[in-house]
Amino acid sequence: METQMYSVPRPVGSLLVAFYCWVVTALFGATLLDVVYARAIRGAFDPAQAATLFSRAADFLLLLVALGVLAAIGAIGGAWQSSLARSLLLASALLLVGEVLAPIVLRPFVLAPGAGAWVRLLLGASASALSLLGLSKLHLRS
């Protein structure tokens, strides 16, 4: 028996990759806002109220990451025919997961206060840039 591999139609694949780019970019913006407002909240609220606000923000960011991972699966499938775009999107998805795992893994290594926020922002910006590069490489292949 011969096995056939079906590919995603090009317009659908482009939409999946564009949606993933949008989600990752929105997640980067939300992370940036979280970092900026976290510094302002510490001085404006008492610790109990600040902890409640931080947990709500963390829950929202985790939902965005979950949506991003699901969108990444669709985007990688949509860009399967272009190996460069697929690789860029896969690297972006790994950085997206790494953004969640970085505070756990890097906690013993990051001793400077505020360094964790810079690691989160760097991973989010890199994931967003790689997803946009993947989208451009998908459209450049003909």
Protein backbone atom coordinates (compact mmCIF):
# COMPACT_ATOMS: atom_id res chain seq x y z
CA MET A 1 0.00 0.00 0.00
CA GLU A 2 1.16 3.45 -0.81
CA THR A 3 0.92 6.14 1.85
CA GLN A 4 -0.07 9.60 0.71
CA MET A 5 0.73 12.70 2.66
CA TYR A 6 -1.82 15.47 2.42
CA SER A 7 -0.69 19.05 2.73
CA VAL A 8 -2.62 21.96 4.13
CA PRO A 9 -3.89 24.31 1.41
CA ARG A 10 -1.68 27.39 1.13
CA PRO A 11 -4.29 29.98 2.19
CA VAL A 12 -5.22 27.94 5.26
CA GLY A 13 -1.57 27.43 6.17
CA SER A 14 -0.90 31.14 5.83
CA LEU A 15 -3.86 31.93 8.08
CA LEU A 16 -2.66 29.46 10.70
CA VAL A 17 0.84 30.94 10.68
CA ALA A 18 -0.52 34.50 10.77
CA PHE A 19 -2.76 33.62 13.72
CA TYR A 20 0.21 32.13 15.56
CA CYS A 21 2.24 35.28 14.89
CA TRP A 22 -0.59 37.38 16.26
CA VAL A 23 -0.89 35.28 19.42
CA VAL A 24 2.86 35.31 20.10
CA THR A 25 3.09 39.06 19.52
CA ALA A 26 0.09 39.67 21.81
CA LEU A 27 1.73 37.46 24.43
CA PHE A 28 4.93 39.50 24.20
CA GLY A 29 2.93 42.71 24.65
CA ALA A 30 1.09 41.23 27.64
CA THR A 31 4.40 40.13 29.17
CA LEU A 32 5.82 43.61 28.67
CA LEU A 33 2.78 45.14 30.37
CA ASP A 34 3.05 42.59 33.18
CA VAL A 35 6.68 43.52 33.83
CA VAL A 36 5.99 47.27 33.74
CA TYR A 37 2.88 47.13 35.93
CA ALA A 38 4.44 44.68 38.39
CA ARG A 39 6.90 47.35 39.43
CA ALA A 40 4.14 49.93 39.81
CA ILE A 41 1.83 47.58 41.72
CA ARG A 42 4.43 46.75 44.35
CA GLY A 43 4.48 50.33 45.55
CA ALA A 44 0.78 51.10 45.19
CA PHE A 45 -0.93 48.12 46.88
CA ASP A 46 -0.42 46.16 50.06
CA PRO A 47 1.21 42.72 49.63
CA ALA A 48 -2.06 40.73 49.81
CA GLN A 49 -3.74 42.77 47.06
CA ALA A 50 -0.59 42.70 44.95
CA ALA A 51 -0.39 38.89 45.25
CA THR A 52 -4.00 38.60 44.07
CA LEU A 53 -3.31 40.84 41.07
CA PHE A 54 -0.11 38.94 40.24
CA SER A 55 -1.91 35.59 40.31
CA ARG A 56 -4.65 36.87 38.00
CA ALA A 57 -2.08 38.21 35.57
CA ALA A 58 -0.14 34.93 35.69
CA ASP A 59 -3.31 32.96 34.96
CA PHE A 60 -4.07 35.15 31.95
CA LEU A 61 -0.53 34.81 30.62
CA LEU A 62 -0.67 31.02 31.02
CA LEU A 63 -3.89 30.95 29.00
CA LEU A 64 -2.20 32.97 26.27
CA VAL A 65 0.76 30.56 26.29
CA ALA A 66 -1.62 27.59 26.01
CA LEU A 67 -3.36 29.26 23.06
CA GLY A 68 0.06 29.98 21.57
CA VAL A 69 1.15 26.34 21.85
CA LEU A 70 -2.05 25.17 20.16
CA ALA A 71 -1.63 27.80 17.45
CA ALA A 72 2.01 26.75 17.04
CA ILE A 73 0.95 23.18 16.30
CA GLY A 74 -1.39 24.45 13.59
CA ALA A 75 1.20 26.89 12.24
CA ILE A 76 3.92 24.24 12.00
CA GLY A 77 1.47 21.98 10.19
CA GLY A 78 0.45 24.84 7.92
CA ALA A 79 4.06 25.60 7.03
CA TRP A 80 5.11 21.98 6.65
CA GLN A 81 6.04 22.32 2.96
CA SER A 82 8.62 25.03 3.68
CA SER A 83 11.42 23.58 5.79
CA LEU A 84 12.89 26.98 6.70
CA ALA A 85 9.54 28.41 7.80
CA ARG A 86 8.77 25.19 9.70
CA SER A 87 12.11 25.36 11.51
CA LEU A 88 11.65 29.00 12.45
CA LEU A 89 8.16 28.34 13.76
CA LEU A 90 9.37 25.33 15.73
CA ALA A 91 12.15 27.41 17.30
CA SER A 92 9.59 30.09 18.14
CA ALA A 93 7.31 27.52 19.79
CA LEU A 94 10.22 26.15 21.82
CA LEU A 95 11.05 29.67 23.03
CA LEU A 96 7.38 30.13 23.92
CA VAL A 97 7.48 27.04 26.11
CA GLY A 98 10.86 28.15 27.43
CA GLU A 99 9.30 31.42 28.57
CA VAL A 100 7.09 29.45 30.94
CA LEU A 101 9.87 27.13 32.10
CA ALA A 102 12.59 29.79 32.44
CA PRO A 103 11.60 30.97 35.93
CA ILE A 104 11.67 27.38 37.17
CA VAL A 105 14.89 26.30 35.47
CA LEU A 106 16.90 29.52 35.76
CA ARG A 107 15.88 30.48 39.29
CA PRO A 108 19.11 29.24 40.91
CA PHE A 109 21.22 30.96 38.25
CA VAL A 110 19.50 34.33 38.11
CA LEU A 111 20.58 36.11 41.27
CA ALA A 112 20.27 39.73 40.25
CA PRO A 113 16.92 41.33 41.08
CA GLY A 114 14.91 42.04 37.96
CA ALA A 115 16.97 39.70 35.79
CA GLY A 116 14.04 37.29 35.50
CA ALA A 117 11.94 39.98 33.85
CA TRP A 118 14.68 40.58 31.28
CA VAL A 119 14.87 36.85 30.55
CA ARG A 120 11.09 36.72 30.04
CA LEU A 121 11.17 39.74 27.74
CA LEU A 122 14.10 38.39 25.75
CA LEU A 123 12.42 35.01 25.23
CA GLY A 124 9.11 36.63 24.29
CA ALA A 125 10.72 39.05 21.83
CA SER A 126 12.75 36.24 20.26
CA ALA A 127 9.69 34.01 19.88
CA SER A 128 7.75 36.85 18.28
CA ALA A 129 10.59 37.73 15.88
CA LEU A 130 11.09 34.10 14.85
CA SER A 131 7.38 33.65 14.19
CA LEU A 132 7.33 36.75 11.99
CA LEU A 133 10.40 35.49 10.13
CA GLY A 134 8.66 32.15 9.65
CA LEU A 135 5.62 33.91 8.23
CA SER A 136 7.77 35.91 5.82
CA LYS A 137 9.68 32.81 4.70
CA LEU A 138 6.40 30.99 4.13
CA HIS A 139 5.20 33.76 1.85
CA LEU A 140 8.51 34.04 0.01
CA ARG A 141 8.42 30.39 -1.05
CA SER A 142 6.44 30.00 -4.24
